[in-house]
Amino acid sequence: MLRCRGCVSGSLILAIIAAWTSGRCGAADDIRPTDAAAAASPIDQLQRDAENGNVKAEYVLGCCYNGDHGFPREPEKAVKWWRIAADKGLADAQFCLGLSCFLGEGVAKDVAEAAKWWRMAADQDQMDAQYFLGLSYHTGLGVPKSTQLAVYWLKRSADHGSKPAIDLLKQIGT
């Protein structure tokens, strides 16, 4: 099962969504939510926020559809929401979309497309994307094989504390 490390983990998601949406009711401005809004569940609010273009909501909704946080797994819907957030430049969504492309979950398998998304996320210092991009250059999957570029991206990931990157750099001999 595909899991993205950038996704908010555990049952914490419902608490985050509840706090996030309760802070949006405008109580500080003496604005009260309508009865319908008060009755909406946090996931309903998350869905509305995603549909209204909130990039973080789009990403988290993709994580939910990925089977995270106890939700049923629907990879095609996860990819849909991650792609929307990734197109807006959200690094964690780009990383998750890259994983989906690499594994062929919710989308046709395409290792070159995976590397493209990992590069976008890696350029924004997303540690896991830097590791997977370095691994791609090391193996030549989706990109031309290049030890120099593999070491560059793996070192950037290792600088953020990525143990797999550190281990692979030792294996390469740097």
N, C-alpha and C. Protein backbone atom coordinates (compact mmCIF):
# COMPACT_ATOMS: atom_id res chain seq x y z
N MET A 1 0.85 -1.18 0.00
CA MET A 1 0.00 0.00 0.00
C MET A 1 0.89 1.24 0.00
N LEU A 2 0.64 2.16 -0.86
CA LEU A 2 1.39 3.39 -0.98
C LEU A 2 1.14 4.29 0.21
N ARG A 3 2.19 4.72 0.86
CA ARG A 3 2.07 5.67 1.97
C ARG A 3 3.03 6.82 1.68
N CYS A 4 2.57 8.02 1.88
CA CYS A 4 3.41 9.19 1.69
C CYS A 4 3.83 9.71 3.05
N ARG A 5 5.12 9.87 3.23
CA ARG A 5 5.62 10.38 4.51
C ARG A 5 5.19 11.82 4.74
N GLY A 6 4.92 12.57 3.69
CA GLY A 6 4.54 13.96 3.85
C GLY A 6 3.11 14.12 4.35
N CYS A 7 2.32 13.07 4.31
CA CYS A 7 0.93 13.15 4.74
C CYS A 7 0.88 13.23 6.26
N VAL A 8 -0.09 13.97 6.76
CA VAL A 8 -0.32 14.01 8.19
C VAL A 8 -0.71 12.61 8.61
N SER A 9 -0.11 12.09 9.67
CA SER A 9 -0.34 10.69 10.00
C SER A 9 -1.24 10.51 11.20
N GLY A 10 -1.79 9.30 11.28
CA GLY A 10 -2.57 8.88 12.43
C GLY A 10 -3.93 9.52 12.52
N SER A 11 -4.56 9.32 13.69
CA SER A 11 -5.89 9.88 13.91
C SER A 11 -5.83 11.38 14.12
N LEU A 12 -4.64 11.92 14.13
CA LEU A 12 -4.45 13.35 14.28
C LEU A 12 -5.18 14.15 13.21
N ILE A 13 -5.39 13.56 12.05
CA ILE A 13 -6.01 14.28 10.93
C ILE A 13 -7.37 14.85 11.29
N LEU A 14 -8.21 14.06 11.96
CA LEU A 14 -9.54 14.56 12.30
C LEU A 14 -9.47 15.71 13.27
N ALA A 15 -8.53 15.65 14.22
CA ALA A 15 -8.36 16.76 15.16
C ALA A 15 -7.88 18.01 14.44
N ILE A 16 -6.97 17.83 13.49
CA ILE A 16 -6.46 18.97 12.72
C ILE A 16 -7.57 19.59 11.88
N ILE A 17 -8.32 18.73 11.20
CA ILE A 17 -9.41 19.23 10.36
C ILE A 17 -10.44 19.95 11.21
N ALA A 18 -10.79 19.37 12.37
CA ALA A 18 -11.78 20.00 13.25
C ALA A 18 -11.29 21.36 13.73
N ALA A 19 -10.02 21.43 14.15
CA ALA A 19 -9.47 22.72 14.62
C ALA A 19 -9.40 23.72 13.48
N TRP A 20 -9.01 23.23 12.32
CA TRP A 20 -8.87 24.08 11.15
C TRP A 20 -10.21 24.67 10.77
N THR A 21 -11.23 23.82 10.71
CA THR A 21 -12.53 24.31 10.28
C THR A 21 -13.21 25.13 11.37
N SER A 22 -12.99 24.79 12.64
CA SER A 22 -13.64 25.59 13.69
C SER A 22 -13.07 26.99 13.74
N GLY A 23 -11.80 27.13 13.41
CA GLY A 23 -11.20 28.46 13.38
C GLY A 23 -11.69 29.29 12.22
N ARG A 24 -12.35 28.68 11.27
CA ARG A 24 -12.81 29.39 10.08
C ARG A 24 -14.23 29.91 10.22
N CYS A 25 -14.85 29.66 11.39
CA CYS A 25 -16.26 30.04 11.51
C CYS A 25 -16.43 31.52 11.78
N GLY A 26 -15.33 32.21 12.10
CA GLY A 26 -15.43 33.64 12.30
C GLY A 26 -16.01 34.04 13.65
N ALA A 27 -15.92 33.19 14.65
CA ALA A 27 -16.48 33.50 15.96
C ALA A 27 -15.86 34.76 16.54
N ALA A 28 -14.60 35.00 16.24
CA ALA A 28 -13.95 36.20 16.76
C ALA A 28 -14.57 37.46 16.19
N ASP A 29 -15.19 37.36 15.07
CA ASP A 29 -15.84 38.51 14.43
C ASP A 29 -17.34 38.49 14.67
N ASP A 30 -17.79 37.70 15.64
CA ASP A 30 -19.21 37.55 15.94
C ASP A 30 -20.02 37.06 14.74
N ILE A 31 -19.38 36.28 13.91
CA ILE A 31 -20.08 35.66 12.79
C ILE A 31 -20.34 34.22 13.19
N ARG A 32 -21.57 33.80 13.16
CA ARG A 32 -21.93 32.45 13.55
C ARG A 32 -22.18 31.61 12.30
N PRO A 33 -21.73 30.35 12.32
CA PRO A 33 -22.00 29.49 11.17
C PRO A 33 -23.49 29.17 11.11
N THR A 34 -23.94 28.89 9.91
CA THR A 34 -25.33 28.48 9.76
C THR A 34 -25.51 27.10 10.36
N ASP A 35 -26.74 26.70 10.60
CA ASP A 35 -27.00 25.37 11.16
C ASP A 35 -26.43 24.29 10.24
N ALA A 36 -26.54 24.48 8.94
CA ALA A 36 -26.02 23.49 8.00
C ALA A 36 -24.50 23.41 8.10
N ALA A 37 -23.83 24.55 8.22
CA ALA A 37 -22.37 24.56 8.33
C ALA A 37 -21.93 23.92 9.64
N ALA A 38 -22.67 24.18 10.71
CA ALA A 38 -22.33 23.60 12.00
C ALA A 38 -22.49 22.09 11.99
N ALA A 39 -23.42 21.58 11.21
CA ALA A 39 -23.68 20.15 11.16
C ALA A 39 -22.69 19.43 10.23
N ALA A 40 -21.94 20.16 9.40
CA ALA A 40 -21.01 19.54 8.46
C ALA A 40 -19.87 18.87 9.21
N SER A 41 -19.49 17.70 8.74
CA SER A 41 -18.36 16.99 9.35
C SER A 41 -17.06 17.63 8.88
N PRO A 42 -15.97 17.39 9.63
CA PRO A 42 -14.68 17.94 9.20
C PRO A 42 -14.28 17.47 7.80
N ILE A 43 -14.59 16.22 7.45
CA ILE A 43 -14.23 15.75 6.12
C ILE A 43 -15.06 16.44 5.04
N ASP A 44 -16.33 16.76 5.35
CA ASP A 44 -17.15 17.52 4.40
C ASP A 44 -16.54 18.90 4.18
N GLN A 45 -16.07 19.52 5.25
CA GLN A 45 -15.44 20.83 5.14
C GLN A 45 -14.14 20.74 4.34
N LEU A 46 -13.37 19.69 4.60
CA LEU A 46 -12.13 19.47 3.85
C LEU A 46 -12.44 19.33 2.36
N GLN A 47 -13.46 18.56 2.02
CA GLN A 47 -13.87 18.38 0.63
C GLN A 47 -14.26 19.72 0.01
N ARG A 48 -15.04 20.51 0.73
CA ARG A 48 -15.45 21.83 0.21
C ARG A 48 -14.25 22.74 0.00
N ASP A 49 -13.34 22.74 0.98
CA ASP A 49 -12.16 23.58 0.85
C ASP A 49 -11.31 23.16 -0.35
N ALA A 50 -11.18 21.85 -0.55
CA ALA A 50 -10.42 21.36 -1.71
C ALA A 50 -11.11 21.77 -3.00
N GLU A 51 -12.41 21.60 -3.06
CA GLU A 51 -13.15 21.98 -4.27
C GLU A 51 -13.10 23.48 -4.52
N ASN A 52 -12.86 24.27 -3.47
CA ASN A 52 -12.75 25.72 -3.62
C ASN A 52 -11.31 26.17 -3.85
N GLY A 53 -10.39 25.21 -4.05
CA GLY A 53 -9.04 25.58 -4.45
C GLY A 53 -8.01 25.71 -3.35
N ASN A 54 -8.34 25.29 -2.12
CA ASN A 54 -7.36 25.36 -1.04
C ASN A 54 -6.33 24.25 -1.26
N VAL A 55 -5.09 24.63 -1.54
CA VAL A 55 -4.06 23.67 -1.94
C VAL A 55 -3.75 22.67 -0.82
N LYS A 56 -3.71 23.11 0.41
CA LYS A 56 -3.44 22.16 1.51
C LYS A 56 -4.58 21.18 1.67
N ALA A 57 -5.80 21.64 1.50
CA ALA A 57 -6.95 20.74 1.58
C ALA A 57 -6.91 19.74 0.43
N GLU A 58 -6.51 20.18 -0.74
CA GLU A 58 -6.39 19.27 -1.89
C GLU A 58 -5.39 18.15 -1.58
N TYR A 59 -4.26 18.55 -1.01
CA TYR A 59 -3.22 17.57 -0.66
C TYR A 59 -3.71 16.59 0.40
N VAL A 60 -4.28 17.11 1.48
CA VAL A 60 -4.75 16.24 2.57
C VAL A 60 -5.87 15.33 2.08
N LEU A 61 -6.75 15.84 1.22
CA LEU A 61 -7.81 15.00 0.68
C LEU A 61 -7.20 13.86 -0.15
N GLY A 62 -6.15 14.15 -0.90
CA GLY A 62 -5.44 13.09 -1.62
C GLY A 62 -4.89 12.05 -0.66
N CYS A 63 -4.35 12.49 0.46
CA CYS A 63 -3.84 11.55 1.47
C CYS A 63 -4.97 10.69 2.02
N CYS A 64 -6.13 11.31 2.26
CA CYS A 64 -7.28 10.54 2.74
C CYS A 64 -7.66 9.47 1.73
N TYR A 65 -7.76 9.84 0.46
CA TYR A 65 -8.11 8.87 -0.58
C TYR A 65 -7.01 7.83 -0.81
N ASN A 66 -5.82 8.12 -0.30
CA ASN A 66 -4.73 7.15 -0.37
C ASN A 66 -4.90 6.05 0.68
N GLY A 67 -5.92 6.19 1.50
CA GLY A 67 -6.17 5.19 2.54
C GLY A 67 -5.62 5.60 3.89
N ASP A 68 -5.06 6.79 3.96
CA ASP A 68 -4.54 7.29 5.23
C ASP A 68 -5.69 7.71 6.13
N HIS A 69 -5.41 7.73 7.41
CA HIS A 69 -6.35 8.23 8.41
C HIS A 69 -7.63 7.42 8.49
N GLY A 70 -7.57 6.14 8.11
CA GLY A 70 -8.73 5.26 8.24
C GLY A 70 -9.76 5.36 7.13
N PHE A 71 -9.46 6.09 6.09
CA PHE A 71 -10.40 6.23 4.98
C PHE A 71 -10.21 5.08 3.98
N PRO A 72 -11.27 4.71 3.26
CA PRO A 72 -11.12 3.67 2.23
C PRO A 72 -10.15 4.14 1.15
N ARG A 73 -9.36 3.24 0.64
CA ARG A 73 -8.34 3.57 -0.35
C ARG A 73 -8.94 3.66 -1.74
N GLU A 74 -8.76 4.81 -2.39
CA GLU A 74 -9.20 5.04 -3.77
C GLU A 74 -8.06 5.76 -4.50
N PRO A 75 -7.09 4.99 -5.03
CA PRO A 75 -5.89 5.59 -5.61
C PRO A 75 -6.15 6.61 -6.72
N GLU A 76 -7.17 6.38 -7.55
CA GLU A 76 -7.45 7.33 -8.64
C GLU A 76 -7.84 8.70 -8.08
N LYS A 77 -8.64 8.69 -7.03
CA LYS A 77 -9.03 9.97 -6.41
C LYS A 77 -7.85 10.62 -5.70
N ALA A 78 -6.99 9.81 -5.09
CA ALA A 78 -5.79 10.35 -4.45
C ALA A 78 -4.94 11.08 -5.49
N VAL A 79 -4.72 10.42 -6.61
CA VAL A 79 -3.92 11.02 -7.68
C VAL A 79 -4.58 12.29 -8.19
N LYS A 80 -5.89 12.29 -8.33
CA LYS A 80 -6.61 13.47 -8.82
C LYS A 80 -6.30 14.68 -7.94
N TRP A 81 -6.43 14.51 -6.62
CA TRP A 81 -6.24 15.64 -5.71
C TRP A 81 -4.77 16.01 -5.56
N TRP A 82 -3.88 15.02 -5.56
CA TRP A 82 -2.46 15.33 -5.50
C TRP A 82 -2.02 16.08 -6.74
N ARG A 83 -2.54 15.70 -7.92
CA ARG A 83 -2.15 16.37 -9.15
C ARG A 83 -2.58 17.84 -9.13
N ILE A 84 -3.77 18.10 -8.61
CA ILE A 84 -4.25 19.48 -8.52
C ILE A 84 -3.32 20.29 -7.62
N ALA A 85 -2.99 19.73 -6.46
CA ALA A 85 -2.09 20.44 -5.53
C ALA A 85 -0.67 20.51 -6.09
N ALA A 86 -0.22 19.45 -6.75
CA ALA A 86 1.13 19.43 -7.33
C ALA A 86 1.26 20.47 -8.43
N ASP A 87 0.23 20.61 -9.25
CA ASP A 87 0.26 21.61 -10.31
C ASP A 87 0.35 23.03 -9.74
N LYS A 88 -0.09 23.20 -8.51
CA LYS A 88 0.00 24.51 -7.85
C LYS A 88 1.34 24.68 -7.12
N GLY A 89 2.19 23.65 -7.18
CA GLY A 89 3.53 23.77 -6.64
C GLY A 89 3.74 23.22 -5.24
N LEU A 90 2.80 22.50 -4.68
CA LEU A 90 2.96 21.97 -3.33
C LEU A 90 3.90 20.76 -3.37
N ALA A 91 5.05 20.89 -2.72
CA ALA A 91 6.11 19.88 -2.81
C ALA A 91 5.66 18.50 -2.30
N ASP A 92 4.95 18.44 -1.19
CA ASP A 92 4.53 17.13 -0.68
C ASP A 92 3.59 16.44 -1.66
N ALA A 93 2.73 17.19 -2.31
CA ALA A 93 1.83 16.61 -3.31
C ALA A 93 2.63 16.14 -4.52
N GLN A 94 3.65 16.89 -4.91
CA GLN A 94 4.49 16.49 -6.03
C GLN A 94 5.21 15.19 -5.71
N PHE A 95 5.70 15.07 -4.47
CA PHE A 95 6.36 13.84 -4.06
C PHE A 95 5.40 12.66 -4.12
N CYS A 96 4.20 12.82 -3.55
CA CYS A 96 3.22 11.72 -3.54
C CYS A 96 2.78 11.35 -4.95
N LEU A 97 2.60 12.35 -5.81
CA LEU A 97 2.23 12.07 -7.19
C LEU A 97 3.35 11.30 -7.89
N GLY A 98 4.59 11.67 -7.60
CA GLY A 98 5.72 10.93 -8.15
C GLY A 98 5.71 9.48 -7.72
N LEU A 99 5.40 9.23 -6.45
CA LEU A 99 5.31 7.83 -5.98
C LEU A 99 4.21 7.08 -6.72
N SER A 100 3.07 7.74 -6.89
CA SER A 100 1.97 7.10 -7.61
C SER A 100 2.37 6.75 -9.03
N CYS A 101 3.05 7.67 -9.71
CA CYS A 101 3.51 7.41 -11.08
C CYS A 101 4.53 6.28 -11.10
N PHE A 102 5.44 6.27 -10.14
CA PHE A 102 6.47 5.24 -10.10
C PHE A 102 5.86 3.86 -9.89
N LEU A 103 4.89 3.77 -8.99
CA LEU A 103 4.28 2.48 -8.66
C LEU A 103 3.12 2.10 -9.58
N GLY A 104 2.61 3.08 -10.33
CA GLY A 104 1.45 2.82 -11.17
C GLY A 104 0.18 2.63 -10.37
N GLU A 105 0.04 3.39 -9.31
CA GLU A 105 -1.16 3.31 -8.45
C GLU A 105 -2.03 4.54 -8.69
N GLY A 106 -3.20 4.29 -9.28
CA GLY A 106 -4.12 5.39 -9.58
C GLY A 106 -3.82 6.09 -10.88
N VAL A 107 -2.74 5.69 -11.51
CA VAL A 107 -2.28 6.29 -12.76
C VAL A 107 -1.39 5.25 -13.44
N ALA A 108 -1.23 5.38 -14.75
CA ALA A 108 -0.34 4.44 -15.46
C ALA A 108 1.09 4.58 -14.95
N LYS A 109 1.77 3.47 -14.82
CA LYS A 109 3.15 3.49 -14.35
C LYS A 109 4.01 4.22 -15.36
N ASP A 110 4.79 5.20 -14.86
CA ASP A 110 5.65 6.00 -15.73
C ASP A 110 6.80 6.54 -14.88
N VAL A 111 7.95 5.86 -14.94
CA VAL A 111 9.07 6.25 -14.07
C VAL A 111 9.67 7.60 -14.47
N ALA A 112 9.59 7.97 -15.74
CA ALA A 112 10.08 9.28 -16.15
C ALA A 112 9.19 10.38 -15.58
N GLU A 113 7.89 10.15 -15.58
CA GLU A 113 6.95 11.11 -14.99
C GLU A 113 7.19 11.22 -13.49
N ALA A 114 7.45 10.09 -12.85
CA ALA A 114 7.75 10.10 -11.41
C ALA A 114 8.97 10.98 -11.14
N ALA A 115 10.02 10.78 -11.92
CA ALA A 115 11.25 11.57 -11.72
C ALA A 115 10.99 13.06 -11.95
N LYS A 116 10.13 13.39 -12.89
CA LYS A 116 9.78 14.79 -13.15
C LYS A 116 9.16 15.43 -11.91
N TRP A 117 8.20 14.71 -11.30
CA TRP A 117 7.54 15.26 -10.11
C TRP A 117 8.50 15.31 -8.92
N TRP A 118 9.34 14.29 -8.78
CA TRP A 118 10.31 14.30 -7.68
C TRP A 118 11.29 15.45 -7.84
N ARG A 119 11.66 15.76 -9.08
CA ARG A 119 12.59 16.88 -9.32
C ARG A 119 11.96 18.20 -8.87
N MET A 120 10.68 18.39 -9.20
CA MET A 120 10.00 19.62 -8.77
C MET A 120 9.96 19.73 -7.26
N ALA A 121 9.66 18.63 -6.59
CA ALA A 121 9.60 18.64 -5.12
C ALA A 121 11.01 18.76 -4.53
N ALA A 122 11.97 18.08 -5.12
CA ALA A 122 13.35 18.12 -4.63
C ALA A 122 13.92 19.54 -4.72
N ASP A 123 13.57 20.25 -5.77
CA ASP A 123 14.02 21.64 -5.92
C ASP A 123 13.49 22.53 -4.80
N GLN A 124 12.42 22.08 -4.15
CA GLN A 124 11.84 22.83 -3.02
C GLN A 124 12.30 22.26 -1.67
N ASP A 125 13.35 21.45 -1.70
CA ASP A 125 13.94 20.85 -0.49
C ASP A 125 13.07 19.80 0.16
N GLN A 126 12.26 19.10 -0.59
CA GLN A 126 11.46 18.00 -0.04
C GLN A 126 12.41 16.80 0.07
N MET A 127 12.74 16.44 1.30
CA MET A 127 13.76 15.43 1.59
C MET A 127 13.51 14.09 0.90
N ASP A 128 12.30 13.58 0.98
CA ASP A 128 12.01 12.27 0.39
C ASP A 128 12.12 12.31 -1.13
N ALA A 129 11.70 13.40 -1.73
CA ALA A 129 11.82 13.53 -3.18
C ALA A 129 13.29 13.59 -3.58
N GLN A 130 14.11 14.26 -2.77
CA GLN A 130 15.54 14.32 -3.06
C GLN A 130 16.15 12.91 -3.02
N TYR A 131 15.73 12.12 -2.03
CA TYR A 131 16.22 10.74 -1.94
C TYR A 131 15.80 9.92 -3.16
N PHE A 132 14.51 9.96 -3.50
CA PHE A 132 14.03 9.15 -4.62
C PHE A 132 14.62 9.63 -5.95
N LEU A 133 14.85 10.92 -6.08
CA LEU A 133 15.49 11.43 -7.30
C LEU A 133 16.94 10.94 -7.36
N GLY A 134 17.63 11.00 -6.23
CA GLY A 134 19.00 10.48 -6.18
C GLY A 134 19.05 9.00 -6.50
N LEU A 135 18.10 8.25 -5.95
CA LEU A 135 18.01 6.82 -6.24
C LEU A 135 17.74 6.58 -7.72
N SER A 136 16.89 7.42 -8.31
CA SER A 136 16.60 7.31 -9.74
C SER A 136 17.86 7.52 -10.58
N TYR A 137 18.65 8.56 -10.23
CA TYR A 137 19.89 8.79 -10.97
C TYR A 137 20.89 7.66 -10.73
N HIS A 138 20.87 7.09 -9.55
CA HIS A 138 21.79 5.98 -9.24
C HIS A 138 21.46 4.74 -10.07
N THR A 139 20.18 4.46 -10.25
CA THR A 139 19.75 3.27 -10.97
C THR A 139 19.47 3.51 -12.45
N GLY A 140 19.28 4.78 -12.83
CA GLY A 140 18.94 5.09 -14.20
C GLY A 140 17.47 4.85 -14.53
N LEU A 141 16.62 4.82 -13.52
CA LEU A 141 15.18 4.64 -13.74
C LEU A 141 14.49 6.00 -13.90
N GLY A 142 13.99 6.26 -15.10
CA GLY A 142 13.26 7.49 -15.37
C GLY A 142 14.13 8.67 -15.76
N VAL A 143 15.42 8.53 -15.53
CA VAL A 143 16.41 9.56 -15.87
C VAL A 143 17.67 8.85 -16.33
N PRO A 144 18.54 9.55 -17.04
CA PRO A 144 19.81 8.91 -17.41
C PRO A 144 20.62 8.60 -16.14
N LYS A 145 21.28 7.47 -16.12
CA LYS A 145 22.11 7.10 -14.98
C LYS A 145 23.25 8.10 -14.84
N SER A 146 23.42 8.62 -13.61
CA SER A 146 24.47 9.60 -13.35
C SER A 146 24.87 9.53 -11.88
N THR A 147 26.07 9.04 -11.63
CA THR A 147 26.55 8.97 -10.25
C THR A 147 26.69 10.37 -9.67
N GLN A 148 27.15 11.31 -10.48
CA GLN A 148 27.33 12.68 -10.00
C GLN A 148 26.00 13.28 -9.53
N LEU A 149 24.94 13.15 -10.32
CA LEU A 149 23.64 13.68 -9.92
C LEU A 149 23.02 12.87 -8.79
N ALA A 150 23.27 11.56 -8.78
CA ALA A 150 22.78 10.73 -7.67
C ALA A 150 23.38 11.23 -6.36
N VAL A 151 24.67 11.42 -6.34
CA VAL A 151 25.36 11.87 -5.12
C VAL A 151 24.86 13.26 -4.72
N TYR A 152 24.69 14.14 -5.69
CA TYR A 152 24.20 15.50 -5.38
C TYR A 152 22.86 15.45 -4.65
N TRP A 153 21.88 14.72 -5.21
CA TRP A 153 20.55 14.68 -4.60
C TRP A 153 20.54 13.89 -3.30
N LEU A 154 21.31 12.81 -3.25
CA LEU A 154 21.37 12.04 -2.02
C LEU A 154 22.00 12.85 -0.89
N LYS A 155 23.03 13.64 -1.20
CA LYS A 155 23.65 14.49 -0.17
C LYS A 155 22.66 15.54 0.32
N ARG A 156 21.90 16.10 -0.58
CA ARG A 156 20.89 17.09 -0.15
C ARG A 156 19.87 16.44 0.77
N SER A 157 19.43 15.22 0.45
CA SER A 157 18.49 14.50 1.30
C SER A 157 19.15 14.14 2.63
N ALA A 158 20.38 13.68 2.58
CA ALA A 158 21.11 13.31 3.80
C ALA A 158 21.29 14.53 4.71
N ASP A 159 21.49 15.70 4.12
CA ASP A 159 21.63 16.93 4.91
C ASP A 159 20.38 17.22 5.73
N HIS A 160 19.24 16.69 5.30
CA HIS A 160 17.98 16.84 6.04
C HIS A 160 17.78 15.69 7.04
N GLY A 161 18.72 14.75 7.06
CA GLY A 161 18.65 13.65 8.00
C GLY A 161 18.08 12.35 7.46
N SER A 162 17.97 12.21 6.15
CA SER A 162 17.42 10.99 5.55
C SER A 162 18.39 9.82 5.75
N LYS A 163 18.00 8.87 6.57
CA LYS A 163 18.83 7.68 6.80
C LYS A 163 19.02 6.86 5.53
N PRO A 164 17.96 6.62 4.74
CA PRO A 164 18.18 5.87 3.50
C PRO A 164 19.19 6.56 2.57
N ALA A 165 19.17 7.89 2.52
CA ALA A 165 20.13 8.62 1.68
C ALA A 165 21.54 8.45 2.23
N ILE A 166 21.70 8.55 3.53
CA ILE A 166 23.01 8.37 4.15
C ILE A 166 23.54 6.97 3.87
N ASP A 167 22.66 5.98 4.02
CA ASP A 167 23.07 4.58 3.77
C ASP A 167 23.47 4.36 2.32
N LEU A 168 22.71 4.93 1.38
CA LEU A 168 23.04 4.75 -0.03
C LEU A 168 24.33 5.47 -0.39
N LEU A 169 24.57 6.62 0.20
CA LEU A 169 25.83 7.34 -0.06
C LEU A 169 27.01 6.50 0.42
N LYS A 170 26.87 5.84 1.56
CA LYS A 170 27.94 4.96 2.07
C LYS A 170 28.15 3.80 1.09
N GLN A 171 27.06 3.27 0.58
CA GLN A 171 27.12 2.15 -0.36
C GLN A 171 27.82 2.57 -1.66
N ILE A 172 27.54 3.79 -2.10
CA ILE A 172 28.17 4.31 -3.33
C ILE A 172 29.65 4.58 -3.09
N GLY A 173 30.00 4.88 -1.82
CA GLY A 173 31.38 5.14 -1.49
C GLY A 173 31.75 6.59 -1.37
N THR A 174 30.78 7.41 -0.98
CA THR A 174 31.10 8.84 -0.80
C THR A 174 31.02 9.22 0.66
